Structure formats: structure tokens, C-alpha cells
Amino acid sequence: MKVVEKRREAEDCYRSSTSLRKRTKASRTSSRGWSGWSPTYGPSFCDITWGAGGSTADLTLDIANRMQNMVCVETMMHLTCTNMPVEKIDHALDTIKANGIQNVLALRGDPPHGQDKFIQIAGGPSPDQL
């Protein structure tokens, strides 16, 4: 279900949970990390953030898939498009769709650390497209 539909159906309020866990291979595969997470307070959905420039892309996609399909909490995955080749953005969107995730928050993001403006990377969208 789309998050916007959950909001429309909410009688008074709705809650979200955001994943701020450090993304490492160990945290992704840790049974303690997943078996211990439970939607006990009833979030309407869960936000999964995206690393700058896709630095944690594979881990983010995996965490979003697990939240949606193992923990069974509606998931909204953030997709930051700055410093990302179009092919990587397309791959992320294809994976999200294949995993049954219907909610994506596509963001331009901030300029990379140390830059005061957006600079187009090879194969990436132009700053005007973001």
C-alpha cells in the first residue's frame, strides 16, 4: 500500500520509523538485528535512508527489502540522486519495484561534502534535471 493511502485512511495520526542504523555487511546479516526488530508500536511505515552518491546502495536496497518483506512493515525508501549515474538510479528503481516496494522518496540531496554547488558526474543527470 502506498504511504499516501495509509495517511488518507488514518483516523487521527500515523507514525513512521526511520532506519538510522550504520550500514555495514555485519549489521545487514546479523540475525540479532532483524529478529529483534518488531513493529510493536505500530508504525504506519518505515523510512530507509540512502547514502550519499549511492555509497550504501546495495545495503540500503537489502534493508528496504527486508523491512518490506520480512518484517512486513510498509517501506518508503529514500533515493538520493546527486552524484549517481543514471544507470545506478535505474537499477535501484528496478530493484525496488521487483521487491514490491511502492514508496520512494526521490531527493536531489545536498552538494557533496566540500562542494558548494552541484557538478554533473559522468553518466549522471545534469544539476538542472535534479
N, C-alpha and C. Protein backbone atom coordinates (compact mmCIF):
# COMPACT_ATOMS: atom_id res chain seq x y z
N MET A 1 0.85 -1.18 0.00
CA MET A 1 0.00 0.00 0.00
C MET A 1 0.89 1.24 0.00
N LYS A 2 0.48 2.23 -0.69
CA LYS A 2 1.25 3.47 -0.72
C LYS A 2 1.05 4.25 0.58
N VAL A 3 2.11 4.92 1.00
CA VAL A 3 2.07 5.69 2.25
C VAL A 3 0.97 6.75 2.19
N VAL A 4 0.79 7.37 1.05
CA VAL A 4 -0.25 8.40 0.92
C VAL A 4 -1.63 7.80 1.17
N GLU A 5 -1.85 6.56 0.78
CA GLU A 5 -3.13 5.90 1.06
C GLU A 5 -3.29 5.61 2.55
N LYS A 6 -2.21 5.21 3.20
CA LYS A 6 -2.25 4.98 4.65
C LYS A 6 -2.61 6.28 5.37
N ARG A 7 -2.06 7.38 4.89
CA ARG A 7 -2.34 8.68 5.52
C ARG A 7 -3.80 9.05 5.35
N ARG A 8 -4.33 8.81 4.17
CA ARG A 8 -5.75 9.13 3.93
C ARG A 8 -6.67 8.30 4.83
N GLU A 9 -6.26 7.05 5.09
CA GLU A 9 -7.09 6.15 5.90
C GLU A 9 -6.94 6.39 7.40
N ALA A 10 -5.90 7.08 7.81
CA ALA A 10 -5.65 7.29 9.24
C ALA A 10 -6.76 8.13 9.85
N GLU A 11 -7.29 7.66 10.97
CA GLU A 11 -8.36 8.40 11.62
C GLU A 11 -7.85 9.60 12.39
N ASP A 12 -6.72 9.45 13.06
CA ASP A 12 -6.22 10.58 13.82
C ASP A 12 -4.75 10.87 13.50
N CYS A 13 -3.88 9.90 13.64
CA CYS A 13 -2.48 10.14 13.35
C CYS A 13 -1.85 8.86 12.81
N TYR A 14 -0.70 9.00 12.26
CA TYR A 14 0.05 7.83 11.81
C TYR A 14 1.50 8.05 12.15
N ARG A 15 2.25 6.96 12.26
CA ARG A 15 3.63 7.03 12.72
C ARG A 15 4.55 6.44 11.66
N SER A 16 5.78 6.91 11.69
CA SER A 16 6.80 6.31 10.84
C SER A 16 8.00 5.95 11.71
N SER A 17 8.81 5.06 11.20
CA SER A 17 10.06 4.68 11.85
C SER A 17 11.15 4.86 10.82
N THR A 18 12.27 5.44 11.21
CA THR A 18 13.36 5.68 10.27
C THR A 18 14.56 4.84 10.65
N SER A 19 15.14 4.19 9.64
CA SER A 19 16.34 3.38 9.88
C SER A 19 17.56 4.29 9.87
N LEU A 20 18.21 4.39 11.02
CA LEU A 20 19.43 5.18 11.13
C LEU A 20 20.62 4.29 11.45
N ARG A 21 20.41 2.99 11.37
CA ARG A 21 21.46 2.02 11.70
C ARG A 21 22.65 2.18 10.75
N LYS A 22 23.84 2.07 11.31
CA LYS A 22 25.04 2.12 10.48
C LYS A 22 25.00 0.94 9.51
N ARG A 23 25.21 1.22 8.24
CA ARG A 23 25.09 0.18 7.23
C ARG A 23 26.44 -0.50 7.00
N THR A 24 26.55 -1.68 7.52
CA THR A 24 27.72 -2.50 7.29
C THR A 24 27.24 -3.89 6.91
N LYS A 25 28.12 -4.66 6.31
CA LYS A 25 27.75 -6.02 5.95
C LYS A 25 27.36 -6.81 7.20
N ALA A 26 28.08 -6.59 8.29
CA ALA A 26 27.79 -7.29 9.54
C ALA A 26 26.40 -6.95 10.06
N SER A 27 26.02 -5.67 10.02
CA SER A 27 24.70 -5.29 10.54
C SER A 27 23.59 -5.82 9.64
N ARG A 28 23.88 -5.96 8.34
CA ARG A 28 22.87 -6.45 7.41
C ARG A 28 22.60 -7.93 7.65
N THR A 29 23.62 -8.70 7.97
CA THR A 29 23.46 -10.15 8.11
C THR A 29 23.26 -10.61 9.54
N SER A 30 23.34 -9.70 10.47
CA SER A 30 23.20 -10.07 11.88
C SER A 30 21.78 -10.54 12.17
N SER A 31 21.66 -11.76 12.65
CA SER A 31 20.32 -12.26 12.99
C SER A 31 19.75 -11.47 14.16
N ARG A 32 20.60 -11.01 15.06
CA ARG A 32 20.13 -10.22 16.19
C ARG A 32 19.45 -8.94 15.71
N GLY A 33 20.02 -8.33 14.68
CA GLY A 33 19.48 -7.08 14.18
C GLY A 33 18.08 -7.20 13.60
N TRP A 34 17.77 -8.33 12.97
CA TRP A 34 16.46 -8.46 12.32
C TRP A 34 15.45 -9.16 13.20
N SER A 35 15.87 -10.17 13.93
CA SER A 35 14.90 -10.88 14.75
C SER A 35 14.43 -10.02 15.91
N GLY A 36 15.27 -9.07 16.33
CA GLY A 36 14.91 -8.23 17.45
C GLY A 36 14.06 -7.03 17.08
N TRP A 37 13.95 -6.71 15.80
CA TRP A 37 13.18 -5.55 15.39
C TRP A 37 11.74 -5.96 15.22
N SER A 38 10.88 -5.26 15.85
CA SER A 38 9.47 -5.59 15.78
C SER A 38 8.68 -4.29 15.73
N PRO A 39 7.67 -4.24 14.90
CA PRO A 39 6.85 -3.03 14.82
C PRO A 39 5.85 -2.94 15.97
N THR A 40 6.34 -3.05 17.21
CA THR A 40 5.46 -3.13 18.37
C THR A 40 4.64 -1.87 18.62
N TYR A 41 5.17 -0.73 18.23
CA TYR A 41 4.39 0.49 18.49
C TYR A 41 3.54 0.88 17.28
N GLY A 42 3.48 0.01 16.30
CA GLY A 42 2.55 0.17 15.19
C GLY A 42 2.86 1.28 14.20
N PRO A 43 4.08 1.36 13.68
CA PRO A 43 4.32 2.40 12.69
C PRO A 43 3.51 2.13 11.42
N SER A 44 3.04 3.17 10.80
CA SER A 44 2.32 3.04 9.54
C SER A 44 3.27 2.67 8.41
N PHE A 45 4.50 3.14 8.53
CA PHE A 45 5.51 2.82 7.52
C PHE A 45 6.89 3.06 8.09
N CYS A 46 7.90 2.64 7.35
CA CYS A 46 9.29 2.79 7.77
C CYS A 46 10.06 3.51 6.67
N ASP A 47 10.87 4.48 7.03
CA ASP A 47 11.75 5.19 6.10
C ASP A 47 13.12 4.53 6.11
N ILE A 48 13.70 4.31 4.95
CA ILE A 48 15.06 3.81 4.85
C ILE A 48 15.85 4.86 4.06
N THR A 49 16.87 5.43 4.69
CA THR A 49 17.64 6.49 4.04
C THR A 49 18.69 5.92 3.10
N TRP A 50 19.18 6.74 2.21
CA TRP A 50 20.11 6.37 1.14
C TRP A 50 21.43 7.08 1.38
N GLY A 51 22.54 6.39 1.22
CA GLY A 51 23.86 7.01 1.39
C GLY A 51 24.19 7.96 0.26
N ALA A 52 24.91 9.00 0.54
CA ALA A 52 25.29 10.00 -0.46
C ALA A 52 26.01 9.34 -1.62
N GLY A 53 25.59 9.69 -2.83
CA GLY A 53 26.22 9.15 -4.04
C GLY A 53 26.04 7.66 -4.19
N GLY A 54 25.09 7.09 -3.46
CA GLY A 54 24.86 5.65 -3.54
C GLY A 54 25.89 4.83 -2.81
N SER A 55 26.60 5.46 -1.85
CA SER A 55 27.68 4.78 -1.15
C SER A 55 27.22 3.54 -0.39
N THR A 56 25.96 3.51 0.00
CA THR A 56 25.42 2.33 0.68
C THR A 56 24.27 1.73 -0.11
N ALA A 57 24.29 1.89 -1.41
CA ALA A 57 23.15 1.49 -2.26
C ALA A 57 22.73 0.05 -2.05
N ASP A 58 23.65 -0.89 -2.16
CA ASP A 58 23.28 -2.30 -2.04
C ASP A 58 22.74 -2.62 -0.66
N LEU A 59 23.37 -2.07 0.37
CA LEU A 59 22.88 -2.30 1.73
C LEU A 59 21.50 -1.67 1.94
N THR A 60 21.31 -0.48 1.43
CA THR A 60 20.02 0.19 1.56
C THR A 60 18.93 -0.61 0.88
N LEU A 61 19.21 -1.09 -0.33
CA LEU A 61 18.22 -1.89 -1.06
C LEU A 61 17.89 -3.17 -0.30
N ASP A 62 18.89 -3.79 0.30
CA ASP A 62 18.68 -5.01 1.06
C ASP A 62 17.87 -4.74 2.32
N ILE A 63 18.21 -3.68 3.04
CA ILE A 63 17.46 -3.34 4.26
C ILE A 63 16.01 -3.01 3.93
N ALA A 64 15.79 -2.26 2.87
CA ALA A 64 14.42 -1.92 2.47
C ALA A 64 13.63 -3.18 2.11
N ASN A 65 14.27 -4.09 1.39
CA ASN A 65 13.62 -5.35 1.03
C ASN A 65 13.26 -6.14 2.29
N ARG A 66 14.17 -6.24 3.24
CA ARG A 66 13.90 -6.99 4.47
C ARG A 66 12.77 -6.35 5.28
N MET A 67 12.77 -5.03 5.38
CA MET A 67 11.71 -4.36 6.13
C MET A 67 10.35 -4.61 5.47
N GLN A 68 10.30 -4.52 4.16
CA GLN A 68 9.05 -4.70 3.43
C GLN A 68 8.57 -6.16 3.48
N ASN A 69 9.49 -7.09 3.27
CA ASN A 69 9.09 -8.48 3.03
C ASN A 69 9.35 -9.46 4.16
N MET A 70 10.21 -9.12 5.12
CA MET A 70 10.45 -10.00 6.26
C MET A 70 9.78 -9.46 7.53
N VAL A 71 9.97 -8.18 7.78
CA VAL A 71 9.38 -7.57 8.96
C VAL A 71 7.92 -7.19 8.68
N CYS A 72 7.61 -7.02 7.39
CA CYS A 72 6.25 -6.73 6.93
C CYS A 72 5.73 -5.37 7.40
N VAL A 73 6.60 -4.39 7.31
CA VAL A 73 6.20 -3.00 7.55
C VAL A 73 6.32 -2.28 6.23
N GLU A 74 5.28 -1.55 5.86
CA GLU A 74 5.31 -0.79 4.62
C GLU A 74 6.55 0.08 4.63
N THR A 75 7.29 0.08 3.53
CA THR A 75 8.58 0.74 3.49
C THR A 75 8.60 1.86 2.45
N MET A 76 9.19 2.99 2.84
CA MET A 76 9.45 4.07 1.90
C MET A 76 10.96 4.25 1.86
N MET A 77 11.54 4.03 0.70
CA MET A 77 12.98 4.15 0.57
C MET A 77 13.34 5.49 -0.04
N HIS A 78 14.27 6.17 0.59
CA HIS A 78 14.79 7.41 0.04
C HIS A 78 15.78 7.06 -1.05
N LEU A 79 15.79 7.84 -2.11
CA LEU A 79 16.73 7.64 -3.21
C LEU A 79 17.33 9.00 -3.54
N THR A 80 18.56 9.22 -3.11
CA THR A 80 19.26 10.48 -3.36
C THR A 80 19.99 10.37 -4.69
N CYS A 81 19.70 11.28 -5.60
CA CYS A 81 20.18 11.16 -6.98
C CYS A 81 21.45 11.96 -7.28
N THR A 82 21.92 12.77 -6.35
CA THR A 82 23.15 13.53 -6.56
C THR A 82 24.34 12.60 -6.67
N ASN A 83 25.22 12.87 -7.63
CA ASN A 83 26.43 12.07 -7.84
C ASN A 83 26.14 10.61 -8.14
N MET A 84 25.04 10.35 -8.80
CA MET A 84 24.66 8.98 -9.16
C MET A 84 24.53 8.88 -10.67
N PRO A 85 25.16 7.88 -11.29
CA PRO A 85 24.93 7.65 -12.71
C PRO A 85 23.47 7.22 -12.92
N VAL A 86 22.90 7.60 -14.04
CA VAL A 86 21.52 7.26 -14.36
C VAL A 86 21.32 5.75 -14.29
N GLU A 87 22.31 4.98 -14.74
CA GLU A 87 22.20 3.51 -14.70
C GLU A 87 22.00 3.00 -13.27
N LYS A 88 22.68 3.61 -12.31
CA LYS A 88 22.55 3.19 -10.91
C LYS A 88 21.17 3.56 -10.36
N ILE A 89 20.67 4.71 -10.76
CA ILE A 89 19.32 5.13 -10.36
C ILE A 89 18.29 4.15 -10.93
N ASP A 90 18.44 3.82 -12.23
CA ASP A 90 17.53 2.86 -12.87
C ASP A 90 17.59 1.50 -12.19
N HIS A 91 18.79 1.05 -11.84
CA HIS A 91 18.95 -0.24 -11.15
C HIS A 91 18.22 -0.21 -9.81
N ALA A 92 18.38 0.87 -9.07
CA ALA A 92 17.70 0.99 -7.77
C ALA A 92 16.19 0.94 -7.95
N LEU A 93 15.67 1.66 -8.92
CA LEU A 93 14.22 1.67 -9.14
C LEU A 93 13.71 0.30 -9.59
N ASP A 94 14.46 -0.39 -10.44
CA ASP A 94 14.08 -1.75 -10.86
C ASP A 94 14.05 -2.70 -9.68
N THR A 95 15.05 -2.59 -8.80
CA THR A 95 15.13 -3.46 -7.62
C THR A 95 13.99 -3.17 -6.66
N ILE A 96 13.71 -1.90 -6.44
CA ILE A 96 12.61 -1.51 -5.56
C ILE A 96 11.30 -2.11 -6.06
N LYS A 97 11.06 -1.96 -7.35
CA LYS A 97 9.82 -2.49 -7.94
C LYS A 97 9.76 -4.01 -7.81
N ALA A 98 10.88 -4.70 -8.10
CA ALA A 98 10.91 -6.16 -8.00
C ALA A 98 10.66 -6.64 -6.57
N ASN A 99 11.04 -5.83 -5.59
CA ASN A 99 10.85 -6.19 -4.18
C ASN A 99 9.48 -5.79 -3.64
N GLY A 100 8.64 -5.23 -4.49
CA GLY A 100 7.28 -4.88 -4.06
C GLY A 100 7.19 -3.60 -3.25
N ILE A 101 8.22 -2.78 -3.30
CA ILE A 101 8.21 -1.51 -2.56
C ILE A 101 7.54 -0.47 -3.45
N GLN A 102 6.48 0.14 -2.94
CA GLN A 102 5.69 1.09 -3.72
C GLN A 102 5.97 2.54 -3.37
N ASN A 103 6.81 2.76 -2.37
CA ASN A 103 7.03 4.12 -1.87
C ASN A 103 8.48 4.51 -2.01
N VAL A 104 8.73 5.56 -2.78
CA VAL A 104 10.08 6.06 -2.99
C VAL A 104 10.05 7.57 -2.79
N LEU A 105 10.99 8.06 -2.00
CA LEU A 105 11.16 9.49 -1.84
C LEU A 105 12.43 9.86 -2.60
N ALA A 106 12.26 10.35 -3.82
CA ALA A 106 13.40 10.71 -4.66
C ALA A 106 13.85 12.12 -4.30
N LEU A 107 15.11 12.24 -3.96
CA LEU A 107 15.67 13.51 -3.49
C LEU A 107 16.84 13.93 -4.35
N ARG A 108 17.03 15.20 -4.48
CA ARG A 108 18.25 15.70 -5.12
C ARG A 108 19.42 15.50 -4.18
N GLY A 109 19.22 15.85 -2.93
CA GLY A 109 20.29 15.76 -1.95
C GLY A 109 21.11 17.03 -1.93
N ASP A 110 22.01 17.09 -1.01
CA ASP A 110 22.91 18.24 -0.88
C ASP A 110 24.11 18.06 -1.79
N PRO A 111 24.79 19.17 -2.12
CA PRO A 111 26.06 19.01 -2.85
C PRO A 111 27.01 18.16 -2.03
N PRO A 112 27.85 17.38 -2.68
CA PRO A 112 28.80 16.55 -1.95
C PRO A 112 29.67 17.39 -1.01
N HIS A 113 30.15 16.76 0.05
CA HIS A 113 30.98 17.42 1.04
C HIS A 113 32.15 18.14 0.36
N GLY A 114 32.32 19.40 0.71
CA GLY A 114 33.42 20.18 0.14
C GLY A 114 33.05 20.94 -1.13
N GLN A 115 31.83 20.74 -1.63
CA GLN A 115 31.39 21.47 -2.83
C GLN A 115 30.26 22.40 -2.44
N ASP A 116 30.21 23.56 -3.09
CA ASP A 116 29.13 24.48 -2.79
C ASP A 116 28.05 24.48 -3.87
N LYS A 117 28.27 23.71 -4.95
CA LYS A 117 27.25 23.60 -6.00
C LYS A 117 27.32 22.19 -6.58
N PHE A 118 26.29 21.87 -7.33
CA PHE A 118 26.21 20.55 -7.95
C PHE A 118 27.03 20.52 -9.23
N ILE A 119 27.80 19.46 -9.38
CA ILE A 119 28.59 19.25 -10.59
C ILE A 119 28.17 17.92 -11.18
N GLN A 120 27.84 17.91 -12.46
CA GLN A 120 27.39 16.68 -13.10
C GLN A 120 28.53 15.67 -13.18
N ILE A 121 28.24 14.43 -12.78
CA ILE A 121 29.24 13.37 -12.90
C ILE A 121 29.02 12.65 -14.23
N ALA A 122 30.01 11.93 -14.68
CA ALA A 122 29.89 11.17 -15.93
C ALA A 122 28.73 10.19 -15.82
N GLY A 123 27.82 10.25 -16.77
CA GLY A 123 26.69 9.35 -16.79
C GLY A 123 25.56 9.73 -15.86
N GLY A 124 25.70 10.85 -15.16
CA GLY A 124 24.68 11.28 -14.22
C GLY A 124 23.77 12.35 -14.81
N PRO A 125 22.64 12.58 -14.16
CA PRO A 125 21.77 13.67 -14.61
C PRO A 125 22.42 15.02 -14.37
N SER A 126 22.05 15.97 -15.19
CA SER A 126 22.61 17.32 -15.01
C SER A 126 21.98 17.95 -13.76
N PRO A 127 22.68 18.92 -13.16
CA PRO A 127 22.12 19.57 -11.98
C PRO A 127 20.74 20.18 -12.25
N ASP A 128 20.47 20.60 -13.49
CA ASP A 128 19.17 21.18 -13.82
C ASP A 128 18.06 20.11 -13.81
N GLN A 129 18.42 18.85 -14.03
CA GLN A 129 17.44 17.78 -14.02
C GLN A 129 17.10 17.36 -12.60
N LEU A 130 17.93 17.72 -11.65
CA LEU A 130 17.68 17.35 -10.27
C LEU A 130 16.93 18.47 -9.61
